[in-house]
Amino acid sequence: MSDIAKGGFIARMIGPKRRWRQYKARVSQLPPNYRTAVEAIARHMMHFVPADGASDASRFENLAALFEQAAANGTPIREIVGHDPVKFVEEFVRACSDGGYVPARARKQLTDAIARVAL
């Protein structure tokens, strides 16, 4: 096996594992209630959201980032996920598939802002 082929194989094997460990470390630093919410959402995504390779890692990283920011701001969990956590997960996954949670949210905010003023 060539060094390049080995490198590609190793990167595929270690890269996702490293990202997963980093994600888990980030989640472990959250306050207990936020951590429990993230773990429940992640468990739901693992069981009910089709796997999508590299974007899976990004999706979990985006989830951690969302809850890290919410915890830092003191945003209540219910304000993040709403009254239907399943719907939240579906929208979150869709947003991540559209280029990331934050860009999707920013696109929606722009669209909503224009809709309010452009009668």
Protein backbone atom coordinates (compact mmCIF):
# COMPACT_ATOMS: atom_id res chain seq x y z
CA MET A 1 0.00 0.00 0.00
CA SER A 2 1.40 3.42 -0.92
CA ASP A 3 2.03 6.11 1.69
CA ILE A 4 -0.70 8.24 0.12
CA ALA A 5 -3.20 5.40 0.26
CA LYS A 6 -2.27 4.69 3.88
CA GLY A 7 -2.56 8.39 4.71
CA GLY A 8 -6.02 8.56 3.17
CA PHE A 9 -7.10 5.48 5.07
CA ILE A 10 -5.69 6.75 8.34
CA ALA A 11 -7.28 10.16 7.84
CA ARG A 12 -10.63 8.51 7.21
CA MET A 13 -10.28 6.36 10.31
CA ILE A 14 -8.84 8.93 12.72
CA GLY A 15 -10.42 12.12 11.40
CA PRO A 16 -14.05 11.29 12.18
CA LYS A 17 -13.09 9.67 15.48
CA ARG A 18 -11.10 12.72 16.49
CA ARG A 19 -13.98 15.04 15.57
CA TRP A 20 -16.39 12.82 17.50
CA ARG A 21 -14.16 12.89 20.59
CA GLN A 22 -13.87 16.68 20.31
CA TYR A 23 -17.65 16.97 19.99
CA LYS A 24 -18.15 14.74 23.05
CA ALA A 25 -15.62 16.80 25.03
CA ARG A 26 -17.48 20.00 24.13
CA VAL A 27 -20.80 18.51 25.17
CA SER A 28 -19.34 17.28 28.46
CA GLN A 29 -18.47 20.90 29.33
CA LEU A 30 -22.08 22.07 29.02
CA PRO A 31 -24.21 22.67 32.12
CA PRO A 32 -26.04 19.43 33.04
CA ASN A 33 -29.46 20.37 31.64
CA TYR A 34 -28.00 21.56 28.30
CA ARG A 35 -25.79 18.46 28.12
CA THR A 36 -28.80 16.19 28.71
CA ALA A 37 -30.75 17.99 25.98
CA VAL A 38 -27.87 17.70 23.48
CA GLU A 39 -27.40 14.02 24.27
CA ALA A 40 -31.13 13.36 23.75
CA ILE A 41 -31.14 15.25 20.45
CA ALA A 42 -27.98 13.48 19.29
CA ARG A 43 -29.46 10.09 20.20
CA HIS A 44 -32.59 10.92 18.20
CA MET A 45 -30.51 12.03 15.21
CA MET A 46 -28.45 8.82 15.33
CA HIS A 47 -31.57 6.69 15.24
CA PHE A 48 -33.87 8.62 12.92
CA VAL A 49 -31.73 10.79 10.63
CA PRO A 50 -30.09 9.14 7.64
CA ALA A 51 -26.30 9.08 7.84
CA ASP A 52 -24.60 11.54 5.52
CA GLY A 53 -20.86 10.94 5.95
CA ALA A 54 -18.84 14.11 6.52
CA SER A 55 -21.89 16.29 7.13
CA ASP A 56 -22.79 14.08 10.12
CA ALA A 57 -19.74 15.35 12.00
CA SER A 58 -20.57 18.93 11.06
CA ARG A 59 -24.17 18.45 12.16
CA PHE A 60 -23.10 17.32 15.64
CA GLU A 61 -20.53 20.12 15.85
CA ASN A 62 -23.24 22.63 14.91
CA LEU A 63 -25.49 21.17 17.60
CA ALA A 64 -22.74 21.58 20.21
CA ALA A 65 -22.08 25.15 19.05
CA LEU A 66 -25.77 26.05 19.24
CA PHE A 67 -26.07 24.79 22.81
CA GLU A 68 -22.72 26.28 23.88
CA GLN A 69 -23.93 29.68 22.72
CA ALA A 70 -27.32 29.19 24.34
CA ALA A 71 -25.72 28.19 27.64
CA ALA A 72 -23.39 31.19 27.50
CA ASN A 73 -26.36 33.50 26.87
CA GLY A 74 -28.59 31.80 29.44
CA THR A 75 -31.14 30.94 26.77
CA PRO A 76 -33.72 28.48 28.13
CA ILE A 77 -33.70 25.07 26.44
CA ARG A 78 -37.39 25.33 25.57
CA GLU A 79 -36.61 28.56 23.72
CA ILE A 80 -34.05 26.65 21.62
CA VAL A 81 -36.06 23.54 20.80
CA GLY A 82 -39.59 24.91 21.12
CA HIS A 83 -42.49 22.77 22.26
CA ASP A 84 -41.89 20.05 19.66
CA PRO A 85 -38.33 18.71 19.95
CA VAL A 86 -38.88 16.32 17.03
CA LYS A 87 -39.81 19.23 14.78
CA PHE A 88 -36.72 21.09 16.05
CA VAL A 89 -34.50 18.15 15.07
CA GLU A 90 -36.11 17.91 11.63
CA GLU A 91 -35.60 21.63 11.00
CA PHE A 92 -32.09 21.56 12.46
CA VAL A 93 -31.06 18.66 10.21
CA ARG A 94 -32.62 20.36 7.19
CA ALA A 95 -30.79 23.59 8.03
CA CYS A 96 -27.49 21.74 8.42
CA SER A 97 -28.07 20.09 5.05
CA ASP A 98 -28.57 23.54 3.51
CA GLY A 99 -25.05 24.68 4.39
CA GLY A 100 -24.99 24.80 8.16
CA TYR A 101 -27.33 25.84 10.90
CA VAL A 102 -26.11 29.39 11.26
CA PRO A 103 -26.11 30.20 7.51
CA ALA A 104 -29.58 28.67 7.15
CA ARG A 105 -30.84 30.68 10.11
CA ALA A 106 -29.24 33.82 8.67
CA ARG A 107 -30.93 33.17 5.31
CA LYS A 108 -34.29 32.78 7.04
CA GLN A 109 -33.75 35.99 9.03
CA LEU A 110 -32.95 37.88 5.83
CA THR A 111 -35.94 36.44 4.02
CA ASP A 112 -38.24 37.27 6.94
CA ALA A 113 -36.87 40.82 7.25
CA ILE A 114 -37.48 41.52 3.56
CA ALA A 115 -40.92 39.93 3.71
CA ARG A 116 -41.91 42.25 6.58
CA VAL A 117 -40.90 45.42 4.74
CA ALA A 118 -41.68 44.52 1.14
CA LEU A 119 -45.44 44.66 1.01
